[in-house]
Amino acid sequence: MKTSGITRRGFLIDGATAFAAAGMPRFVAASDATGASLPLIGSAPVLMNPAERTMDVVFAVNGDASGWVEISKSPDMERSVRVYSGEGPVMRVNGKFAVVRIKGIRPATRYWYRIGADRIELERDYKPWNRGSEIGGRIYSFETLGAESGGSFCVMQDTHSVHDIVDQVFAKIAALKPSAIVWNGDARNFYRTVDDAVGTFLKPHPNHPAYAAETPIMFLNGNHDYRGRFALHLEDLVPFRDAAERRMQYMALGRNFVQRLGDVALIGLDTGEDKQDANPRMGGIFRMTKYRKLQTSWLAEAIETPTVKTAKFKVAFCHIPLFDPNPKANPGDVLPDDDDPRYKHPWAAWQRTCANMWGPLFAKAGVQLVCTGHQHRYRYDAPSAERPWTHIVGGQRDVIEGRVDGGRLVVKVHDCENGRIVFDKEFE
């Protein structure tokens, strides 16, 4: 592990301020009137959006609160710095969750942290009351990403908040101890309320209360993650990545990422909904066609960055598969409403449009592996002349593991239900 010392002053100058996701309301009233009788901190922290110089920390609260994180270079929290929820003129107050963005940290470096929150009373028009603080009892740690970082990654997909699936998948990931987790979409069927999202991401299973307190999540939307009233505001709780990672014209691409995990370049893309924008079921509010084209422009630039070009291994992730050998599998480009008697289902089983746009760029960049999900069953598609990259469809109870060992990227697919490895391949 590479470490770098910085002073408290330097830490602050580098931007160790907090961030609440764009569009997040300044105040969300707590719906639970008994919140004051509960512990203020409602969950273990969940690390999200890891990068070289930023990390997001999200946790549940029981009542109106402003969250914060204390972070240090030392496990005894010596010379810790407090990072608040809200980098604007007023700290963010929310009745359900706190989102804190830590900035100004160093690549491939381990930090220790603990969470806390202030209980805020906002019943008056003037003079909000701070009714006391609560500090989390446990100190956690994380390592930032970077070309000098080590470790491995795991991929999970299509958990859909099914408790036994979540339990099996999280248990396997805990045993594998990866450096980062790519949550490759469809975390839930739909999000009617904020409580649905809190339960899915912050309190997903009682057997795994701190499942991402030391292993950060890189979340990519699946088609189901666009569904439901609160899905329209999911970035409030699962924040978009730091805007500094992308140019102004790509601000809408808050889920996309290009990050280095040691010798591996991780490339994240969003295939969007599995139905056409023109489909009457979409209500005329979706703009996935434009969204995918914008990602194509972003990807063309991303693969030319040193992050990708200097990486020995390149792995891409998206939810909907980019290939299917079954001629009856709907390719997702049937206008206007996805229905065609040639195909088994009136929704996209795979994404031919994305494959046509992104596939040539993958080939140009030398991407060796594309990890997808959506179909709930494992499948391996060998490279071909037209598609020179391995394509894995992860099943609902599968964990895809990637680990650099002896100069090779070893990729395995773990069947969590039956306790066996169904795929094992080395990339050089």
Protein backbone atom coordinates (compact mmCIF):
# COMPACT_ATOMS: atom_id res chain seq x y z
CA MET A 1 0.00 0.00 0.00
CA LYS A 2 1.31 3.40 -0.94
CA THR A 3 0.82 6.16 1.63
CA SER A 4 1.37 9.90 1.51
CA GLY A 5 1.47 12.33 4.41
CA ILE A 6 -0.32 15.66 4.19
CA THR A 7 -0.85 18.38 6.73
CA ARG A 8 -4.19 19.34 8.17
CA ARG A 9 -3.94 22.66 6.32
CA GLY A 10 -3.02 20.93 3.09
CA PHE A 11 -5.90 18.51 3.50
CA LEU A 12 -8.36 21.38 3.81
CA ILE A 13 -6.88 23.35 0.94
CA ASP A 14 -7.09 20.29 -1.28
CA GLY A 15 -10.84 20.44 -0.83
CA ALA A 16 -11.88 18.21 2.06
CA THR A 17 -15.42 19.51 2.05
CA ALA A 18 -18.67 17.61 1.97
CA PHE A 19 -21.10 17.25 -0.85
CA ALA A 20 -24.78 16.45 -1.07
CA ALA A 21 -25.79 15.12 -4.47
CA ALA A 22 -26.93 17.61 -7.09
CA GLY A 23 -30.63 18.24 -6.80
CA MET A 24 -30.82 17.01 -3.24
CA PRO A 25 -33.32 19.08 -1.25
CA ARG A 26 -31.91 21.14 1.58
CA PHE A 27 -34.57 19.84 3.92
CA VAL A 28 -36.56 16.63 3.89
CA ALA A 29 -38.91 16.31 6.82
CA ALA A 30 -38.70 13.09 8.77
CA SER A 31 -41.91 11.11 8.39
CA ASP A 32 -41.35 9.22 11.65
CA ALA A 33 -42.61 11.35 14.52
CA THR A 34 -40.81 9.11 17.02
CA GLY A 35 -37.41 9.77 15.44
CA ALA A 36 -36.14 11.64 18.49
CA SER A 37 -36.48 8.47 20.58
CA LEU A 38 -34.31 6.43 18.19
CA PRO A 39 -30.53 6.53 17.75
CA LEU A 40 -29.83 9.35 15.35
CA ILE A 41 -27.47 7.27 13.19
CA GLY A 42 -29.61 4.64 11.51
CA SER A 43 -27.09 2.46 9.68
CA ALA A 44 -23.44 1.70 9.14
CA PRO A 45 -21.76 3.87 6.51
CA VAL A 46 -21.82 2.88 2.85
CA LEU A 47 -18.84 3.96 0.73
CA MET A 48 -19.75 5.02 -2.80
CA ASN A 49 -18.09 6.44 -5.91
CA PRO A 50 -14.47 5.62 -5.07
CA ALA A 51 -11.85 7.53 -7.03
CA GLU A 52 -8.26 8.67 -6.68
CA ARG A 53 -9.10 11.86 -4.78
CA THR A 54 -12.70 11.54 -3.65
CA MET A 55 -14.93 9.16 -1.70
CA ASP A 56 -18.62 9.43 -0.80
CA VAL A 57 -19.96 8.26 2.56
CA VAL A 58 -23.72 7.69 2.91
CA PHE A 59 -25.65 6.52 5.97
CA ALA A 60 -29.21 6.46 7.29
CA VAL A 61 -30.48 8.82 9.98
CA ASN A 62 -33.59 8.66 12.16
CA GLY A 63 -34.85 12.22 12.15
CA ASP A 64 -33.79 15.55 10.75
CA ALA A 65 -30.01 15.66 10.86
CA SER A 66 -26.87 16.94 9.24
CA GLY A 67 -24.25 14.25 8.85
CA TRP A 68 -20.49 14.45 8.93
CA VAL A 69 -17.40 12.29 8.68
CA GLU A 70 -14.15 12.50 10.63
CA ILE A 71 -11.21 11.28 8.55
CA SER A 72 -7.57 10.68 9.43
CA LYS A 73 -4.37 9.18 8.07
CA SER A 74 -4.01 7.28 11.32
CA PRO A 75 -6.04 4.38 12.80
CA ASP A 76 -6.14 6.20 16.14
CA MET A 77 -7.81 9.16 14.36
CA GLU A 78 -4.97 11.51 15.28
CA ARG A 79 -5.25 14.93 13.61
CA SER A 80 -8.61 14.01 12.12
CA VAL A 81 -10.53 16.45 9.95
CA ARG A 82 -14.32 16.75 10.05
CA VAL A 83 -16.07 16.83 6.68
CA TYR A 84 -19.65 18.10 6.64
CA SER A 85 -22.71 17.23 4.58
CA GLY A 86 -23.09 20.25 2.36
CA GLU A 87 -20.47 22.41 0.67
CA GLY A 88 -22.78 25.38 0.15
CA PRO A 89 -23.60 28.16 2.63
CA VAL A 90 -25.92 25.91 4.66
CA MET A 91 -25.24 22.35 5.84
CA ARG A 92 -27.58 19.78 4.35
CA VAL A 93 -30.39 18.58 6.59
CA ASN A 94 -32.34 15.42 5.78
CA GLY A 95 -34.70 13.24 7.74
CA LYS A 96 -33.69 9.92 6.19
CA PHE A 97 -30.03 9.90 5.13
CA ALA A 98 -26.78 11.83 5.06
CA VAL A 99 -24.45 12.13 2.07
CA VAL A 100 -20.89 13.34 2.64
CA ARG A 101 -18.33 13.75 -0.12
CA ILE A 102 -14.68 13.72 0.92
CA LYS A 103 -12.33 15.57 -1.43
CA GLY A 104 -8.65 16.33 -1.51
CA ILE A 105 -7.44 12.88 -0.51
CA ARG A 106 -4.52 11.05 -2.13
CA PRO A 107 -4.51 8.19 -4.64
CA ALA A 108 -3.81 4.63 -3.49
CA THR A 109 -3.81 5.70 0.15
CA ARG A 110 -5.54 4.25 3.20
CA TYR A 111 -7.63 6.49 5.45
CA TRP A 112 -9.54 5.84 8.65
CA TYR A 113 -12.91 7.41 9.38
CA ARG A 114 -15.99 7.45 11.55
CA ILE A 115 -19.42 8.95 11.01
CA GLY A 116 -21.51 11.33 13.08
CA ALA A 117 -24.59 13.50 12.87
CA ASP A 118 -26.16 16.54 14.50
CA ARG A 119 -29.87 16.38 15.35
CA ILE A 120 -31.42 19.52 13.88
CA GLU A 121 -34.79 20.97 14.83
CA LEU A 122 -36.30 23.05 12.05
CA GLU A 123 -39.79 23.67 13.37
CA ARG A 124 -39.23 27.43 13.54
CA ASP A 125 -38.80 29.84 10.66
CA TYR A 126 -35.72 31.27 12.35
CA LYS A 127 -33.00 29.91 14.62
CA PRO A 128 -32.75 26.20 13.78
CA TRP A 129 -31.83 24.28 16.91
CA ASN A 130 -28.95 21.82 17.15
CA ARG A 131 -30.20 19.27 19.69
CA GLY A 132 -26.92 17.42 20.07
CA SER A 133 -24.53 15.16 18.20
CA GLU A 134 -24.14 11.43 17.87
CA ILE A 135 -20.84 9.82 16.92
CA GLY A 136 -20.63 6.36 15.43
CA GLY A 137 -18.95 3.92 17.77
CA ARG A 138 -16.74 2.20 15.21
CA ILE A 139 -13.74 3.37 13.20
CA TYR A 140 -13.60 2.09 9.62
CA SER A 141 -11.00 2.43 6.87
CA PHE A 142 -10.85 2.60 3.09
CA GLU A 143 -8.24 2.82 0.37
CA THR A 144 -8.57 5.23 -2.53
CA LEU A 145 -8.22 4.03 -6.10
CA GLY A 146 -5.27 4.68 -8.37
CA ALA A 147 -2.65 3.09 -10.60
CA GLU A 148 -0.60 2.21 -7.52
CA SER A 149 -3.49 0.58 -5.67
CA GLY A 150 -3.83 -3.15 -5.53
CA GLY A 151 -6.53 -5.65 -4.80
CA SER A 152 -9.45 -6.90 -6.80
CA PHE A 153 -12.99 -6.09 -7.85
CA CYS A 154 -16.29 -7.93 -7.59
CA VAL A 155 -19.43 -7.46 -9.67
CA MET A 156 -22.99 -8.15 -8.56
CA GLN A 157 -26.18 -7.61 -10.51
CA ASP A 158 -29.95 -8.09 -10.39
CA THR A 159 -30.28 -8.55 -6.64
CA HIS A 160 -33.71 -6.83 -6.78
CA SER A 161 -33.80 -6.55 -2.96
CA VAL A 162 -34.62 -10.26 -2.69
CA HIS A 163 -33.36 -11.06 0.81
CA ASP A 164 -31.96 -14.54 0.27
CA ILE A 165 -30.20 -13.42 -2.92
CA VAL A 166 -28.73 -10.39 -1.16
CA ASP A 167 -27.58 -12.61 1.70
CA GLN A 168 -25.84 -15.12 -0.58
CA VAL A 169 -24.20 -12.51 -2.79
CA PHE A 170 -23.03 -10.27 0.05
CA ALA A 171 -21.64 -13.26 1.95
CA LYS A 172 -19.55 -14.29 -1.06
CA ILE A 173 -18.25 -10.75 -1.58
CA ALA A 174 -17.34 -10.50 2.11
CA ALA A 175 -15.35 -13.73 1.79
CA LEU A 176 -13.53 -12.52 -1.35
CA LYS A 177 -12.60 -9.16 0.25
CA PRO A 178 -12.38 -7.07 -2.95
CA SER A 179 -11.06 -3.53 -3.14
CA ALA A 180 -14.21 -2.30 -4.89
CA ILE A 181 -17.67 -3.56 -5.81
CA VAL A 182 -19.40 -2.78 -9.10
CA TRP A 183 -23.14 -2.97 -8.42
CA ASN A 184 -24.21 -3.53 -12.01
CA GLY A 185 -27.83 -2.50 -11.87
CA ASP A 186 -31.31 -3.63 -10.86
CA ALA A 187 -30.75 -3.26 -7.16
CA ARG A 188 -34.54 -3.13 -6.75
CA ASN A 189 -37.63 -3.64 -8.91
CA PHE A 190 -38.81 -0.05 -8.38
CA TYR A 191 -38.47 2.78 -5.87
CA ARG A 192 -41.82 4.11 -4.71
CA THR A 193 -40.46 6.01 -1.69
CA VAL A 194 -37.22 7.15 -0.12
CA ASP A 195 -37.58 4.27 2.35
CA ASP A 196 -37.32 1.81 -0.55
CA ALA A 197 -33.96 3.29 -1.48
CA VAL A 198 -32.74 3.48 2.12
CA GLY A 199 -33.60 -0.18 2.61
CA THR A 200 -31.95 -1.21 -0.65
CA PHE A 201 -28.62 0.57 -0.25
CA LEU A 202 -28.15 1.48 3.41
CA LYS A 203 -29.90 -1.39 5.21
CA PRO A 204 -30.13 -4.18 2.63
CA HIS A 205 -29.86 -7.21 4.95
CA PRO A 206 -29.53 -7.67 8.72
CA ASN A 207 -26.74 -10.22 8.24
CA HIS A 208 -24.60 -7.62 6.48
CA PRO A 209 -25.06 -4.29 8.28
CA ALA A 210 -21.64 -2.92 7.25
CA TYR A 211 -21.37 -4.57 3.84
CA ALA A 212 -19.82 -1.51 2.17
CA ALA A 213 -18.32 0.35 5.13
CA GLU A 214 -14.78 -0.53 3.99
CA THR A 215 -15.36 -1.75 0.43
CA PRO A 216 -16.78 1.00 -1.81
CA ILE A 217 -19.58 0.62 -4.33
CA MET A 218 -19.48 1.80 -7.93
CA PHE A 219 -23.16 1.82 -8.86
CA LEU A 220 -24.49 1.58 -12.41
CA ASN A 221 -28.19 1.87 -13.17
CA GLY A 222 -30.12 -1.07 -14.51
CA ASN A 223 -33.43 -0.61 -16.27
CA HIS A 224 -35.35 -1.19 -13.03
CA ASP A 225 -33.39 1.55 -11.27
CA TYR A 226 -35.25 4.06 -13.44
CA ARG A 227 -38.67 2.96 -12.20
CA GLY A 228 -40.82 4.42 -9.45
CA ARG A 229 -41.43 7.89 -8.04
CA PHE A 230 -38.24 8.03 -5.96
CA ALA A 231 -36.19 6.62 -8.85
CA LEU A 232 -36.52 10.12 -10.31
CA HIS A 233 -34.45 11.30 -7.33
CA LEU A 234 -32.23 8.28 -6.73
CA GLU A 235 -29.11 10.42 -7.12
CA ASP A 236 -30.09 12.19 -3.90
CA LEU A 237 -29.18 9.05 -1.94
CA VAL A 238 -26.88 7.27 -4.41
CA PRO A 239 -25.05 10.39 -5.56
CA PHE A 240 -23.73 11.00 -9.02
CA ARG A 241 -19.97 10.89 -9.25
CA ASP A 242 -17.92 14.02 -8.63
CA ALA A 243 -18.46 16.53 -11.45
CA ALA A 244 -14.70 17.09 -11.69
CA GLU A 245 -14.38 13.65 -13.30
CA ARG A 246 -16.05 14.79 -16.54
CA ARG A 247 -16.24 17.77 -18.86
CA MET A 248 -19.17 20.18 -18.76
CA GLN A 249 -20.86 18.68 -21.82
CA TYR A 250 -21.03 15.33 -19.99
CA MET A 251 -22.57 16.54 -16.73
CA ALA A 252 -25.61 14.31 -17.30
CA LEU A 253 -23.37 11.22 -17.19
CA GLY A 254 -23.24 11.02 -13.42
CA ARG A 255 -22.97 7.22 -13.31
CA ASN A 256 -20.25 6.75 -15.93
CA PHE A 257 -16.72 6.20 -14.72
CA VAL A 258 -13.18 5.50 -15.82
CA GLN A 259 -11.02 4.59 -12.83
CA ARG A 260 -7.81 2.71 -12.20
CA LEU A 261 -7.58 -0.14 -9.74
CA GLY A 262 -3.90 -0.98 -10.02
CA ASP A 263 -3.25 -2.48 -13.45
CA VAL A 264 -6.96 -2.56 -14.33
CA ALA A 265 -8.91 0.25 -15.98
CA LEU A 266 -12.56 0.04 -14.91
CA ILE A 267 -15.02 1.54 -17.43
CA GLY A 268 -18.64 2.04 -16.36
CA LEU A 269 -21.53 2.67 -18.78
CA ASP A 270 -25.31 2.87 -18.48
CA THR A 271 -27.45 0.98 -21.01
CA GLY A 272 -30.61 2.65 -19.65
CA GLU A 273 -34.15 1.32 -19.92
CA ASP A 274 -35.01 -1.89 -21.75
CA LYS A 275 -37.80 -0.26 -23.76
CA GLN A 276 -37.89 2.36 -26.48
CA ASP A 277 -38.40 6.01 -25.60
CA ALA A 278 -41.45 5.94 -27.88
CA ASN A 279 -43.03 2.99 -26.07
CA PRO A 280 -46.33 4.20 -24.53
CA ARG A 281 -45.35 2.52 -21.26
CA MET A 282 -42.50 5.03 -20.90
CA GLY A 283 -44.86 8.00 -20.64
CA GLY A 284 -42.84 10.17 -23.00
CA ILE A 285 -40.36 11.21 -20.28
CA PHE A 286 -37.36 9.06 -21.23
CA ARG A 287 -34.47 10.25 -23.42
CA MET A 288 -32.36 7.10 -23.56
CA THR A 289 -31.50 7.43 -27.26
CA LYS A 290 -29.81 10.78 -26.71
CA TYR A 291 -28.30 9.54 -23.44
CA ARG A 292 -26.60 6.57 -25.12
CA LYS A 293 -25.21 8.75 -27.90
CA LEU A 294 -23.76 11.14 -25.34
CA GLN A 295 -22.09 8.23 -23.58
CA THR A 296 -20.57 7.17 -26.89
CA SER A 297 -18.90 10.57 -27.28
CA TRP A 298 -17.72 10.38 -23.67
CA LEU A 299 -16.35 6.85 -24.19
CA ALA A 300 -14.44 7.91 -27.31
CA GLU A 301 -12.62 10.48 -25.20
CA ALA A 302 -12.28 8.30 -22.11
CA ILE A 303 -10.37 5.54 -23.89
CA GLU A 304 -7.74 8.09 -24.95
CA THR A 305 -6.95 9.12 -21.37
CA PRO A 306 -3.82 7.86 -19.60
CA THR A 307 -6.10 6.08 -17.13
CA VAL A 308 -7.09 3.67 -19.89
CA LYS A 309 -4.14 3.81 -22.28
CA THR A 310 -1.55 2.94 -19.65
CA ALA A 311 -3.59 0.13 -18.07
CA LYS A 312 -2.53 -3.42 -18.79
CA PHE A 313 -6.12 -4.64 -18.45
CA LYS A 314 -9.37 -2.96 -19.49
CA VAL A 315 -12.73 -4.12 -18.19
CA ALA A 316 -16.09 -2.53 -19.03
CA PHE A 317 -19.37 -2.82 -17.16
CA CYS A 318 -22.99 -2.16 -18.14
CA HIS A 319 -26.28 -3.70 -17.12
CA ILE A 320 -27.96 -4.91 -20.31
CA PRO A 321 -25.90 -7.39 -22.37
CA LEU A 322 -24.25 -6.23 -25.58
CA PHE A 323 -24.65 -9.58 -27.33
CA ASP A 324 -26.98 -12.57 -27.39
CA PRO A 325 -26.58 -15.66 -29.58
CA ASN A 326 -30.32 -16.45 -29.40
CA PRO A 327 -32.09 -15.17 -32.55
CA LYS A 328 -35.31 -14.81 -30.53
CA ALA A 329 -33.69 -12.43 -28.05
CA ASN A 330 -35.06 -8.92 -28.53
CA PRO A 331 -32.14 -6.59 -29.42
CA GLY A 332 -33.83 -3.48 -28.02
CA ASP A 333 -34.12 -1.52 -31.28
CA VAL A 334 -37.66 -2.42 -32.34
CA LEU A 335 -39.67 0.74 -33.04
CA PRO A 336 -41.99 2.08 -31.82
CA ASP A 337 -43.01 -0.18 -28.92
CA ASP A 338 -40.49 -3.06 -28.77
CA ASP A 339 -43.04 -5.63 -29.98
CA ASP A 340 -42.05 -7.92 -32.85
CA PRO A 341 -43.23 -11.52 -33.44
CA ARG A 342 -39.67 -12.55 -34.25
CA TYR A 343 -38.67 -12.02 -30.63
CA LYS A 344 -39.74 -13.77 -27.47
CA HIS A 345 -40.36 -10.68 -25.32
CA PRO A 346 -41.49 -7.08 -25.98
CA TRP A 347 -38.45 -5.66 -24.19
CA ALA A 348 -34.71 -5.66 -24.76
CA ALA A 349 -32.94 -8.87 -23.83
CA TRP A 350 -29.76 -7.25 -25.12
CA GLN A 351 -28.71 -3.84 -26.46
CA ARG A 352 -27.73 -3.94 -30.13
CA THR A 353 -27.65 -0.14 -30.40
CA CYS A 354 -25.14 0.16 -27.57
CA ALA A 355 -23.13 -2.75 -28.96
CA ASN A 356 -22.88 -1.02 -32.35
CA MET A 357 -21.82 2.29 -30.78
CA TRP A 358 -19.56 1.07 -27.99
CA GLY A 359 -18.20 -2.18 -29.42
CA PRO A 360 -15.80 -0.57 -31.94
CA LEU A 361 -14.48 1.71 -29.19
CA PHE A 362 -13.92 -1.28 -26.91
CA ALA A 363 -11.97 -2.94 -29.72
CA LYS A 364 -9.93 0.20 -30.33
CA ALA A 365 -9.06 0.50 -26.65
CA GLY A 366 -8.21 -3.18 -26.27
CA VAL A 367 -10.97 -3.97 -23.79
CA GLN A 368 -10.62 -7.63 -22.86
CA LEU A 369 -13.81 -8.17 -20.85
CA VAL A 370 -17.34 -6.76 -20.69
CA CYS A 371 -19.45 -7.66 -17.63
CA THR A 372 -23.24 -7.41 -17.88
CA GLY A 373 -26.39 -8.75 -16.22
CA HIS A 374 -30.13 -8.25 -16.83
CA GLN A 375 -31.01 -11.79 -17.91
CA HIS A 376 -30.68 -13.36 -14.43
CA ARG A 377 -28.76 -16.34 -15.82
CA TYR A 378 -25.02 -16.79 -16.27
CA ARG A 379 -23.68 -16.96 -19.80
CA TYR A 380 -20.19 -16.79 -21.31
CA ASP A 381 -19.74 -15.50 -24.84
CA ALA A 382 -16.28 -16.12 -26.27
CA PRO A 383 -14.58 -13.39 -28.32
CA SER A 384 -15.14 -13.41 -32.06
CA ALA A 385 -13.78 -11.58 -35.09
CA GLU A 386 -16.65 -9.10 -34.89
CA ARG A 387 -16.53 -8.82 -31.09
CA PRO A 388 -12.93 -9.23 -29.88
CA TRP A 389 -13.78 -9.10 -26.17
CA THR A 390 -15.04 -11.69 -23.74
CA HIS A 391 -18.66 -11.09 -22.75
CA ILE A 392 -20.00 -12.35 -19.41
CA VAL A 393 -23.64 -12.19 -18.36
CA GLY A 394 -23.73 -12.48 -14.59
CA GLY A 395 -26.64 -14.38 -13.10
CA GLN A 396 -28.82 -13.13 -10.29
CA ARG A 397 -26.98 -15.21 -7.68
CA ASP A 398 -23.53 -14.86 -9.23
CA VAL A 399 -20.52 -12.78 -8.26
CA ILE A 400 -17.95 -11.95 -10.92
CA GLU A 401 -14.48 -11.62 -9.41
CA GLY A 402 -11.44 -10.02 -11.04
CA ARG A 403 -8.01 -10.17 -9.43
CA VAL A 404 -4.53 -9.40 -10.78
CA ASP A 405 -2.19 -12.23 -9.83
CA GLY A 406 1.30 -12.82 -11.23
CA GLY A 407 0.85 -10.27 -13.99
CA ARG A 408 -2.41 -11.83 -15.16
CA LEU A 409 -6.02 -10.80 -14.63
CA VAL A 410 -7.79 -13.83 -13.20
CA VAL A 411 -11.56 -13.66 -13.64
CA LYS A 412 -13.94 -16.08 -11.94
CA VAL A 413 -17.71 -16.32 -11.77
CA HIS A 414 -18.95 -17.64 -8.44
CA ASP A 415 -22.33 -19.38 -8.33
CA CYS A 416 -23.33 -18.34 -4.81
CA GLU A 417 -26.33 -20.65 -4.61
CA ASN A 418 -24.46 -23.86 -5.35
CA GLY A 419 -21.03 -22.89 -4.05
CA ARG A 420 -19.13 -23.53 -7.26
CA ILE A 421 -17.05 -21.62 -9.80
CA VAL A 422 -18.68 -21.68 -13.24
CA PHE A 423 -16.07 -19.58 -15.06
CA ASP A 424 -12.31 -19.28 -14.58
CA LYS A 425 -10.11 -17.54 -17.12
CA GLU A 426 -6.81 -15.67 -17.17
CA PHE A 427 -6.20 -12.58 -19.28
CA GLU A 428 -2.64 -11.58 -20.16
